[in-house]
Amino acid sequence: CGMSILDLGKKTGIDPAKLGRILRYL
């Protein structure tokens, strides 16, 4: 159903805000 960029950041080690920008582009 979806995962927040904060949780994705914790699991990947990538800055959540930057990862969110990448996912929004895609």
mmCIF file of all heavy atoms, coordinates in Angstrom:
data_MODEL
# 
_entry.id   MODEL 
# 
loop_
_atom_site.group_PDB 
_atom_site.id 
_atom_site.type_symbol 
_atom_site.label_atom_id 
_atom_site.label_alt_id 
_atom_site.label_comp_id 
_atom_site.label_asym_id 
_atom_site.label_entity_id 
_atom_site.label_seq_id 
_atom_site.pdbx_PDB_ins_code 
_atom_site.Cartn_x 
_atom_site.Cartn_y 
_atom_site.Cartn_z 
_atom_site.occupancy 
_atom_site.B_iso_or_equiv 
_atom_site.pdbx_formal_charge 
_atom_site.auth_seq_id 
_atom_site.auth_comp_id 
_atom_site.auth_asym_id 
_atom_site.auth_atom_id 
_atom_site.pdbx_PDB_model_num 
ATOM 1   N N   . CYS A 1 1  ? 0.821  -1.217 0.000   1.00 0.00 ? 1  CYS A N   1 
ATOM 2   C CA  . CYS A 1 1  ? 0.000  0.000  0.000   1.00 0.00 ? 1  CYS A CA  1 
ATOM 3   C C   . CYS A 1 1  ? 0.854  1.265  0.000   1.00 0.00 ? 1  CYS A C   1 
ATOM 4   O O   . CYS A 1 1  ? 0.329  2.374  -0.153  1.00 0.00 ? 1  CYS A O   1 
ATOM 5   C CB  . CYS A 1 1  ? -0.938 0.017  1.208   1.00 0.00 ? 1  CYS A CB  1 
ATOM 6   S SG  . CYS A 1 1  ? -0.093 -0.070 2.788   1.00 0.00 ? 1  CYS A SG  1 
ATOM 7   N N   . GLY A 1 2  ? 2.170  1.136  0.168   1.00 0.00 ? 2  GLY A N   1 
ATOM 8   C CA  . GLY A 1 2  ? 3.048  2.296  0.089   1.00 0.00 ? 2  GLY A CA  1 
ATOM 9   C C   . GLY A 1 2  ? 3.967  2.422  1.293   1.00 0.00 ? 2  GLY A C   1 
ATOM 10  O O   . GLY A 1 2  ? 3.661  1.959  2.395   1.00 0.00 ? 2  GLY A O   1 
ATOM 11  N N   . MET A 1 3  ? 5.141  3.032  1.085   1.00 0.00 ? 3  MET A N   1 
ATOM 12  C CA  . MET A 1 3  ? 6.120  3.236  2.145   1.00 0.00 ? 3  MET A CA  1 
ATOM 13  C C   . MET A 1 3  ? 6.629  4.675  2.068   1.00 0.00 ? 3  MET A C   1 
ATOM 14  O O   . MET A 1 3  ? 6.857  5.209  0.980   1.00 0.00 ? 3  MET A O   1 
ATOM 15  C CB  . MET A 1 3  ? 7.275  2.248  2.000   1.00 0.00 ? 3  MET A CB  1 
ATOM 16  C CG  . MET A 1 3  ? 8.301  2.316  3.132   1.00 0.00 ? 3  MET A CG  1 
ATOM 17  S SD  . MET A 1 3  ? 9.640  1.082  2.951   1.00 0.00 ? 3  MET A SD  1 
ATOM 18  C CE  . MET A 1 3  ? 8.729  -0.460 3.217   1.00 0.00 ? 3  MET A CE  1 
ATOM 19  N N   . SER A 1 4  ? 6.812  5.282  3.205   1.00 0.00 ? 4  SER A N   1 
ATOM 20  C CA  . SER A 1 4  ? 7.270  6.671  3.250   1.00 0.00 ? 4  SER A CA  1 
ATOM 21  C C   . SER A 1 4  ? 8.743  6.763  2.882   1.00 0.00 ? 4  SER A C   1 
ATOM 22  O O   . SER A 1 4  ? 9.508  5.796  3.041   1.00 0.00 ? 4  SER A O   1 
ATOM 23  C CB  . SER A 1 4  ? 7.057  7.262  4.644   1.00 0.00 ? 4  SER A CB  1 
ATOM 24  O OG  . SER A 1 4  ? 7.984  6.719  5.561   1.00 0.00 ? 4  SER A OG  1 
ATOM 25  N N   . ILE A 1 5  ? 9.149  7.939  2.418   1.00 0.00 ? 5  ILE A N   1 
ATOM 26  C CA  . ILE A 1 5  ? 10.552 8.123  2.071   1.00 0.00 ? 5  ILE A CA  1 
ATOM 27  C C   . ILE A 1 5  ? 11.430 8.066  3.323   1.00 0.00 ? 5  ILE A C   1 
ATOM 28  O O   . ILE A 1 5  ? 12.606 7.698  3.234   1.00 0.00 ? 5  ILE A O   1 
ATOM 29  C CB  . ILE A 1 5  ? 10.766 9.448  1.314   1.00 0.00 ? 5  ILE A CB  1 
ATOM 30  C CG1 . ILE A 1 5  ? 10.284 10.648 2.126   1.00 0.00 ? 5  ILE A CG1 1 
ATOM 31  C CG2 . ILE A 1 5  ? 10.083 9.401  -0.041  1.00 0.00 ? 5  ILE A CG2 1 
ATOM 32  C CD1 . ILE A 1 5  ? 10.619 11.979 1.473   1.00 0.00 ? 5  ILE A CD1 1 
ATOM 33  N N   . LEU A 1 6  ? 10.867 8.365  4.498   1.00 0.00 ? 6  LEU A N   1 
ATOM 34  C CA  . LEU A 1 6  ? 11.645 8.241  5.732   1.00 0.00 ? 6  LEU A CA  1 
ATOM 35  C C   . LEU A 1 6  ? 12.008 6.787  5.994   1.00 0.00 ? 6  LEU A C   1 
ATOM 36  O O   . LEU A 1 6  ? 13.159 6.465  6.322   1.00 0.00 ? 6  LEU A O   1 
ATOM 37  C CB  . LEU A 1 6  ? 10.863 8.816  6.915   1.00 0.00 ? 6  LEU A CB  1 
ATOM 38  C CG  . LEU A 1 6  ? 10.676 10.338 6.925   1.00 0.00 ? 6  LEU A CG  1 
ATOM 39  C CD1 . LEU A 1 6  ? 9.778  10.759 8.082   1.00 0.00 ? 6  LEU A CD1 1 
ATOM 40  C CD2 . LEU A 1 6  ? 12.033 11.036 7.013   1.00 0.00 ? 6  LEU A CD2 1 
ATOM 41  N N   . ASP A 1 7  ? 11.021 5.896  5.837   1.00 0.00 ? 7  ASP A N   1 
ATOM 42  C CA  . ASP A 1 7  ? 11.294 4.472  6.033   1.00 0.00 ? 7  ASP A CA  1 
ATOM 43  C C   . ASP A 1 7  ? 12.221 3.921  4.941   1.00 0.00 ? 7  ASP A C   1 
ATOM 44  O O   . ASP A 1 7  ? 13.102 3.101  5.215   1.00 0.00 ? 7  ASP A O   1 
ATOM 45  C CB  . ASP A 1 7  ? 9.989  3.682  6.059   1.00 0.00 ? 7  ASP A CB  1 
ATOM 46  C CG  . ASP A 1 7  ? 9.189  3.935  7.340   1.00 0.00 ? 7  ASP A CG  1 
ATOM 47  O OD1 . ASP A 1 7  ? 9.805  4.347  8.344   1.00 0.00 ? 7  ASP A OD1 1 
ATOM 48  O OD2 . ASP A 1 7  ? 7.960  3.748  7.326   1.00 0.00 ? 7  ASP A OD2 1 
ATOM 49  N N   . LEU A 1 8  ? 12.005 4.380  3.705   1.00 0.00 ? 8  LEU A N   1 
ATOM 50  C CA  . LEU A 1 8  ? 12.884 3.946  2.618   1.00 0.00 ? 8  LEU A CA  1 
ATOM 51  C C   . LEU A 1 8  ? 14.317 4.412  2.869   1.00 0.00 ? 8  LEU A C   1 
ATOM 52  O O   . LEU A 1 8  ? 15.283 3.686  2.599   1.00 0.00 ? 8  LEU A O   1 
ATOM 53  C CB  . LEU A 1 8  ? 12.375 4.503  1.280   1.00 0.00 ? 8  LEU A CB  1 
ATOM 54  C CG  . LEU A 1 8  ? 11.159 3.798  0.676   1.00 0.00 ? 8  LEU A CG  1 
ATOM 55  C CD1 . LEU A 1 8  ? 10.600 4.617  -0.490  1.00 0.00 ? 8  LEU A CD1 1 
ATOM 56  C CD2 . LEU A 1 8  ? 11.520 2.392  0.202   1.00 0.00 ? 8  LEU A CD2 1 
ATOM 57  N N   . GLY A 1 9  ? 14.452 5.625  3.406   1.00 0.00 ? 9  GLY A N   1 
ATOM 58  C CA  . GLY A 1 9  ? 15.778 6.141  3.720   1.00 0.00 ? 9  GLY A CA  1 
ATOM 59  C C   . GLY A 1 9  ? 16.482 5.311  4.777   1.00 0.00 ? 9  GLY A C   1 
ATOM 60  O O   . GLY A 1 9  ? 17.687 5.041  4.683   1.00 0.00 ? 9  GLY A O   1 
ATOM 61  N N   . LYS A 1 10 ? 15.732 4.883  5.799   1.00 0.00 ? 10 LYS A N   1 
ATOM 62  C CA  . LYS A 1 10 ? 16.317 4.053  6.853   1.00 0.00 ? 10 LYS A CA  1 
ATOM 63  C C   . LYS A 1 10 ? 16.786 2.704  6.305   1.00 0.00 ? 10 LYS A C   1 
ATOM 64  O O   . LYS A 1 10 ? 17.822 2.174  6.706   1.00 0.00 ? 10 LYS A O   1 
ATOM 65  C CB  . LYS A 1 10 ? 15.293 3.829  7.968   1.00 0.00 ? 10 LYS A CB  1 
ATOM 66  C CG  . LYS A 1 10 ? 14.972 5.078  8.778   1.00 0.00 ? 10 LYS A CG  1 
ATOM 67  C CD  . LYS A 1 10 ? 13.879 4.785  9.795   1.00 0.00 ? 10 LYS A CD  1 
ATOM 68  C CE  . LYS A 1 10 ? 13.476 6.048  10.560  1.00 0.00 ? 10 LYS A CE  1 
ATOM 69  N NZ  . LYS A 1 10 ? 12.351 5.788  11.494  1.00 0.00 ? 10 LYS A NZ  1 
ATOM 70  N N   . LYS A 1 11 ? 16.024 2.148  5.363   1.00 0.00 ? 11 LYS A N   1 
ATOM 71  C CA  . LYS A 1 11 ? 16.347 0.825  4.840   1.00 0.00 ? 11 LYS A CA  1 
ATOM 72  C C   . LYS A 1 11 ? 17.476 0.857  3.810   1.00 0.00 ? 11 LYS A C   1 
ATOM 73  O O   . LYS A 1 11 ? 18.165 -0.140 3.598   1.00 0.00 ? 11 LYS A O   1 
ATOM 74  C CB  . LYS A 1 11 ? 15.094 0.188  4.219   1.00 0.00 ? 11 LYS A CB  1 
ATOM 75  C CG  . LYS A 1 11 ? 14.046 -0.224 5.240   1.00 0.00 ? 11 LYS A CG  1 
ATOM 76  C CD  . LYS A 1 11 ? 12.812 -0.798 4.564   1.00 0.00 ? 11 LYS A CD  1 
ATOM 77  C CE  . LYS A 1 11 ? 11.784 -1.271 5.589   1.00 0.00 ? 11 LYS A CE  1 
ATOM 78  N NZ  . LYS A 1 11 ? 12.251 -2.477 6.308   1.00 0.00 ? 11 LYS A NZ  1 
ATOM 79  N N   . THR A 1 12 ? 17.654 2.001  3.142   1.00 0.00 ? 12 THR A N   1 
ATOM 80  C CA  . THR A 1 12 ? 18.648 2.076  2.070   1.00 0.00 ? 12 THR A CA  1 
ATOM 81  C C   . THR A 1 12 ? 19.884 2.896  2.435   1.00 0.00 ? 12 THR A C   1 
ATOM 82  O O   . THR A 1 12 ? 20.920 2.766  1.779   1.00 0.00 ? 12 THR A O   1 
ATOM 83  C CB  . THR A 1 12 ? 18.022 2.714  0.810   1.00 0.00 ? 12 THR A CB  1 
ATOM 84  O OG1 . THR A 1 12 ? 17.615 4.057  1.120   1.00 0.00 ? 12 THR A OG1 1 
ATOM 85  C CG2 . THR A 1 12 ? 16.830 1.900  0.331   1.00 0.00 ? 12 THR A CG2 1 
ATOM 86  N N   . GLY A 1 13 ? 19.754 3.740  3.446   1.00 0.00 ? 13 GLY A N   1 
ATOM 87  C CA  . GLY A 1 13 ? 20.862 4.633  3.788   1.00 0.00 ? 13 GLY A CA  1 
ATOM 88  C C   . GLY A 1 13 ? 20.945 5.866  2.914   1.00 0.00 ? 13 GLY A C   1 
ATOM 89  O O   . GLY A 1 13 ? 21.899 6.647  3.022   1.00 0.00 ? 13 GLY A O   1 
ATOM 90  N N   . ILE A 1 14 ? 19.971 6.065  2.036   1.00 0.00 ? 14 ILE A N   1 
ATOM 91  C CA  . ILE A 1 14 ? 19.950 7.234  1.152   1.00 0.00 ? 14 ILE A CA  1 
ATOM 92  C C   . ILE A 1 14 ? 19.152 8.351  1.814   1.00 0.00 ? 14 ILE A C   1 
ATOM 93  O O   . ILE A 1 14 ? 18.131 8.095  2.459   1.00 0.00 ? 14 ILE A O   1 
ATOM 94  C CB  . ILE A 1 14 ? 19.333 6.870  -0.216  1.00 0.00 ? 14 ILE A CB  1 
ATOM 95  C CG1 . ILE A 1 14 ? 20.164 5.779  -0.892  1.00 0.00 ? 14 ILE A CG1 1 
ATOM 96  C CG2 . ILE A 1 14 ? 19.243 8.096  -1.121  1.00 0.00 ? 14 ILE A CG2 1 
ATOM 97  C CD1 . ILE A 1 14 ? 19.577 5.279  -2.206  1.00 0.00 ? 14 ILE A CD1 1 
ATOM 98  N N   . ASP A 1 15 ? 19.590 9.564  1.633   1.00 0.00 ? 15 ASP A N   1 
ATOM 99  C CA  . ASP A 1 15 ? 18.880 10.718 2.172   1.00 0.00 ? 15 ASP A CA  1 
ATOM 100 C C   . ASP A 1 15 ? 17.425 10.677 1.717   1.00 0.00 ? 15 ASP A C   1 
ATOM 101 O O   . ASP A 1 15 ? 17.140 10.627 0.512   1.00 0.00 ? 15 ASP A O   1 
ATOM 102 C CB  . ASP A 1 15 ? 19.542 12.008 1.685   1.00 0.00 ? 15 ASP A CB  1 
ATOM 103 C CG  . ASP A 1 15 ? 18.852 13.246 2.203   1.00 0.00 ? 15 ASP A CG  1 
ATOM 104 O OD1 . ASP A 1 15 ? 17.867 13.685 1.562   1.00 0.00 ? 15 ASP A OD1 1 
ATOM 105 O OD2 . ASP A 1 15 ? 19.291 13.770 3.236   1.00 0.00 ? 15 ASP A OD2 1 
ATOM 106 N N   . PRO A 1 16 ? 16.454 10.670 2.652   1.00 0.00 ? 16 PRO A N   1 
ATOM 107 C CA  . PRO A 1 16 ? 15.046 10.511 2.278   1.00 0.00 ? 16 PRO A CA  1 
ATOM 108 C C   . PRO A 1 16 ? 14.545 11.566 1.297   1.00 0.00 ? 16 PRO A C   1 
ATOM 109 O O   . PRO A 1 16 ? 13.825 11.237 0.342   1.00 0.00 ? 16 PRO A O   1 
ATOM 110 C CB  . PRO A 1 16 ? 14.305 10.603 3.620   1.00 0.00 ? 16 PRO A CB  1 
ATOM 111 C CG  . PRO A 1 16 ? 15.312 10.206 4.638   1.00 0.00 ? 16 PRO A CG  1 
ATOM 112 C CD  . PRO A 1 16 ? 16.627 10.707 4.120   1.00 0.00 ? 16 PRO A CD  1 
ATOM 113 N N   . ALA A 1 17 ? 14.907 12.818 1.516   1.00 0.00 ? 17 ALA A N   1 
ATOM 114 C CA  . ALA A 1 17 ? 14.418 13.877 0.633   1.00 0.00 ? 17 ALA A CA  1 
ATOM 115 C C   . ALA A 1 17 ? 14.940 13.696 -0.790  1.00 0.00 ? 17 ALA A C   1 
ATOM 116 O O   . ALA A 1 17 ? 14.205 13.870 -1.771  1.00 0.00 ? 17 ALA A O   1 
ATOM 117 C CB  . ALA A 1 17 ? 14.828 15.245 1.184   1.00 0.00 ? 17 ALA A CB  1 
ATOM 118 N N   . LYS A 1 18 ? 16.212 13.331 -0.907  1.00 0.00 ? 18 LYS A N   1 
ATOM 119 C CA  . LYS A 1 18 ? 16.785 13.122 -2.244  1.00 0.00 ? 18 LYS A CA  1 
ATOM 120 C C   . LYS A 1 18 ? 16.176 11.902 -2.920  1.00 0.00 ? 18 LYS A C   1 
ATOM 121 O O   . LYS A 1 18 ? 15.894 11.910 -4.124  1.00 0.00 ? 18 LYS A O   1 
ATOM 122 C CB  . LYS A 1 18 ? 18.299 12.998 -2.138  1.00 0.00 ? 18 LYS A CB  1 
ATOM 123 C CG  . LYS A 1 18 ? 18.981 14.293 -1.713  1.00 0.00 ? 18 LYS A CG  1 
ATOM 124 C CD  . LYS A 1 18 ? 20.483 14.128 -1.569  1.00 0.00 ? 18 LYS A CD  1 
ATOM 125 C CE  . LYS A 1 18 ? 21.128 15.453 -1.145  1.00 0.00 ? 18 LYS A CE  1 
ATOM 126 N NZ  . LYS A 1 18 ? 22.591 15.337 -0.950  1.00 0.00 ? 18 LYS A NZ  1 
ATOM 127 N N   . LEU A 1 19 ? 15.968 10.840 -2.139  1.00 0.00 ? 19 LEU A N   1 
ATOM 128 C CA  . LEU A 1 19 ? 15.340 9.644  -2.704  1.00 0.00 ? 19 LEU A CA  1 
ATOM 129 C C   . LEU A 1 19 ? 13.922 9.945  -3.153  1.00 0.00 ? 19 LEU A C   1 
ATOM 130 O O   . LEU A 1 19 ? 13.479 9.477  -4.214  1.00 0.00 ? 19 LEU A O   1 
ATOM 131 C CB  . LEU A 1 19 ? 15.345 8.522  -1.660  1.00 0.00 ? 19 LEU A CB  1 
ATOM 132 C CG  . LEU A 1 19 ? 14.786 7.169  -2.109  1.00 0.00 ? 19 LEU A CG  1 
ATOM 133 C CD1 . LEU A 1 19 ? 15.514 6.656  -3.346  1.00 0.00 ? 19 LEU A CD1 1 
ATOM 134 C CD2 . LEU A 1 19 ? 14.884 6.151  -0.972  1.00 0.00 ? 19 LEU A CD2 1 
ATOM 135 N N   . GLY A 1 20 ? 13.209 10.755 -2.389  1.00 0.00 ? 20 GLY A N   1 
ATOM 136 C CA  . GLY A 1 20 ? 11.850 11.133 -2.766  1.00 0.00 ? 20 GLY A CA  1 
ATOM 137 C C   . GLY A 1 20 ? 11.810 11.879 -4.081  1.00 0.00 ? 20 GLY A C   1 
ATOM 138 O O   . GLY A 1 20 ? 10.903 11.679 -4.899  1.00 0.00 ? 20 GLY A O   1 
ATOM 139 N N   . ARG A 1 21 ? 12.786 12.731 -4.325  1.00 0.00 ? 21 ARG A N   1 
ATOM 140 C CA  . ARG A 1 21 ? 12.831 13.475 -5.587  1.00 0.00 ? 21 ARG A CA  1 
ATOM 141 C C   . ARG A 1 21 ? 13.059 12.536 -6.767  1.00 0.00 ? 21 ARG A C   1 
ATOM 142 O O   . ARG A 1 21 ? 12.482 12.709 -7.848  1.00 0.00 ? 21 ARG A O   1 
ATOM 143 C CB  . ARG A 1 21 ? 13.916 14.543 -5.513  1.00 0.00 ? 21 ARG A CB  1 
ATOM 144 C CG  . ARG A 1 21 ? 13.561 15.686 -4.560  1.00 0.00 ? 21 ARG A CG  1 
ATOM 145 C CD  . ARG A 1 21 ? 14.769 16.414 -4.015  1.00 0.00 ? 21 ARG A CD  1 
ATOM 146 N NE  . ARG A 1 21 ? 15.546 17.082 -5.050  1.00 0.00 ? 21 ARG A NE  1 
ATOM 147 C CZ  . ARG A 1 21 ? 16.708 17.688 -4.825  1.00 0.00 ? 21 ARG A CZ  1 
ATOM 148 N NH1 . ARG A 1 21 ? 17.232 17.696 -3.594  1.00 0.00 ? 21 ARG A NH1 1 
ATOM 149 N NH2 . ARG A 1 21 ? 17.339 18.283 -5.810  1.00 0.00 ? 21 ARG A NH2 1 
ATOM 150 N N   . ILE A 1 22 ? 13.915 11.535 -6.552  1.00 0.00 ? 22 ILE A N   1 
ATOM 151 C CA  . ILE A 1 22 ? 14.168 10.554 -7.607  1.00 0.00 ? 22 ILE A CA  1 
ATOM 152 C C   . ILE A 1 22 ? 12.912 9.741  -7.903  1.00 0.00 ? 22 ILE A C   1 
ATOM 153 O O   . ILE A 1 22 ? 12.528 9.537  -9.064  1.00 0.00 ? 22 ILE A O   1 
ATOM 154 C CB  . ILE A 1 22 ? 15.329 9.636  -7.195  1.00 0.00 ? 22 ILE A CB  1 
ATOM 155 C CG1 . ILE A 1 22 ? 16.651 10.425 -7.249  1.00 0.00 ? 22 ILE A CG1 1 
ATOM 156 C CG2 . ILE A 1 22 ? 15.401 8.386  -8.071  1.00 0.00 ? 22 ILE A CG2 1 
ATOM 157 C CD1 . ILE A 1 22 ? 17.829 9.717  -6.622  1.00 0.00 ? 22 ILE A CD1 1 
ATOM 158 N N   . LEU A 1 23 ? 12.233 9.287  -6.838  1.00 0.00 ? 23 LEU A N   1 
ATOM 159 C CA  . LEU A 1 23 ? 11.023 8.479  -7.029  1.00 0.00 ? 23 LEU A CA  1 
ATOM 160 C C   . LEU A 1 23 ? 9.900  9.304  -7.649  1.00 0.00 ? 23 LEU A C   1 
ATOM 161 O O   . LEU A 1 23 ? 9.116  8.795  -8.463  1.00 0.00 ? 23 LEU A O   1 
ATOM 162 C CB  . LEU A 1 23 ? 10.576 7.893  -5.695  1.00 0.00 ? 23 LEU A CB  1 
ATOM 163 C CG  . LEU A 1 23 ? 11.470 6.772  -5.147  1.00 0.00 ? 23 LEU A CG  1 
ATOM 164 C CD1 . LEU A 1 23 ? 11.061 6.387  -3.727  1.00 0.00 ? 23 LEU A CD1 1 
ATOM 165 C CD2 . LEU A 1 23 ? 11.417 5.544  -6.061  1.00 0.00 ? 23 LEU A CD2 1 
ATOM 166 N N   . ARG A 1 24 ? 9.822  10.580 -7.305  1.00 0.00 ? 24 ARG A N   1 
ATOM 167 C CA  . ARG A 1 24 ? 8.768  11.427 -7.883  1.00 0.00 ? 24 ARG A CA  1 
ATOM 168 C C   . ARG A 1 24 ? 9.004  11.632 -9.377  1.00 0.00 ? 24 ARG A C   1 
ATOM 169 O O   . ARG A 1 24 ? 8.048  11.656 -10.171 1.00 0.00 ? 24 ARG A O   1 
ATOM 170 C CB  . ARG A 1 24 ? 8.706  12.762 -7.150  1.00 0.00 ? 24 ARG A CB  1 
ATOM 171 C CG  . ARG A 1 24 ? 7.519  13.645 -7.578  1.00 0.00 ? 24 ARG A CG  1 
ATOM 172 C CD  . ARG A 1 24 ? 7.306  14.789 -6.610  1.00 0.00 ? 24 ARG A CD  1 
ATOM 173 N NE  . ARG A 1 24 ? 6.863  14.278 -5.308  1.00 0.00 ? 24 ARG A NE  1 
ATOM 174 C CZ  . ARG A 1 24 ? 7.625  14.292 -4.216  1.00 0.00 ? 24 ARG A CZ  1 
ATOM 175 N NH1 . ARG A 1 24 ? 8.857  14.792 -4.251  1.00 0.00 ? 24 ARG A NH1 1 
ATOM 176 N NH2 . ARG A 1 24 ? 7.162  13.819 -3.077  1.00 0.00 ? 24 ARG A NH2 1 
ATOM 177 N N   . TYR A 1 25 ? 10.261 11.774 -9.766  1.00 0.00 ? 25 TYR A N   1 
ATOM 178 C CA  . TYR A 1 25 ? 10.579 11.898 -11.197 1.00 0.00 ? 25 TYR A CA  1 
ATOM 179 C C   . TYR A 1 25 ? 10.141 10.637 -11.943 1.00 0.00 ? 25 TYR A C   1 
ATOM 180 O O   . TYR A 1 25 ? 9.495  10.709 -12.998 1.00 0.00 ? 25 TYR A O   1 
ATOM 181 C CB  . TYR A 1 25 ? 12.084 12.125 -11.365 1.00 0.00 ? 25 TYR A CB  1 
ATOM 182 C CG  . TYR A 1 25 ? 12.569 12.084 -12.799 1.00 0.00 ? 25 TYR A CG  1 
ATOM 183 C CD1 . TYR A 1 25 ? 12.435 13.195 -13.627 1.00 0.00 ? 25 TYR A CD1 1 
ATOM 184 C CD2 . TYR A 1 25 ? 13.172 10.935 -13.314 1.00 0.00 ? 25 TYR A CD2 1 
ATOM 185 C CE1 . TYR A 1 25 ? 12.893 13.159 -14.941 1.00 0.00 ? 25 TYR A CE1 1 
ATOM 186 C CE2 . TYR A 1 25 ? 13.633 10.890 -14.622 1.00 0.00 ? 25 TYR A CE2 1 
ATOM 187 C CZ  . TYR A 1 25 ? 13.494 12.002 -15.430 1.00 0.00 ? 25 TYR A CZ  1 
ATOM 188 O OH  . TYR A 1 25 ? 13.943 11.964 -16.735 1.00 0.00 ? 25 TYR A OH  1 
ATOM 189 N N   . LEU A 1 26 ? 10.479 9.470  -11.385 1.00 0.00 ? 26 LEU A N   1 
ATOM 190 C CA  . LEU A 1 26 ? 10.095 8.226  -12.041 1.00 0.00 ? 26 LEU A CA  1 
ATOM 191 C C   . LEU A 1 26 ? 8.586  8.011  -12.022 1.00 0.00 ? 26 LEU A C   1 
ATOM 192 O O   . LEU A 1 26 ? 8.006  7.539  -13.005 1.00 0.00 ? 26 LEU A O   1 
ATOM 193 C CB  . LEU A 1 26 ? 10.814 7.043  -11.381 1.00 0.00 ? 26 LEU A CB  1 
ATOM 194 C CG  . LEU A 1 26 ? 12.334 6.981  -11.601 1.00 0.00 ? 26 LEU A CG  1 
ATOM 195 C CD1 . LEU A 1 26 ? 12.945 5.853  -10.790 1.00 0.00 ? 26 LEU A CD1 1 
ATOM 196 C CD2 . LEU A 1 26 ? 12.670 6.812  -13.087 1.00 0.00 ? 26 LEU A CD2 1 
# 
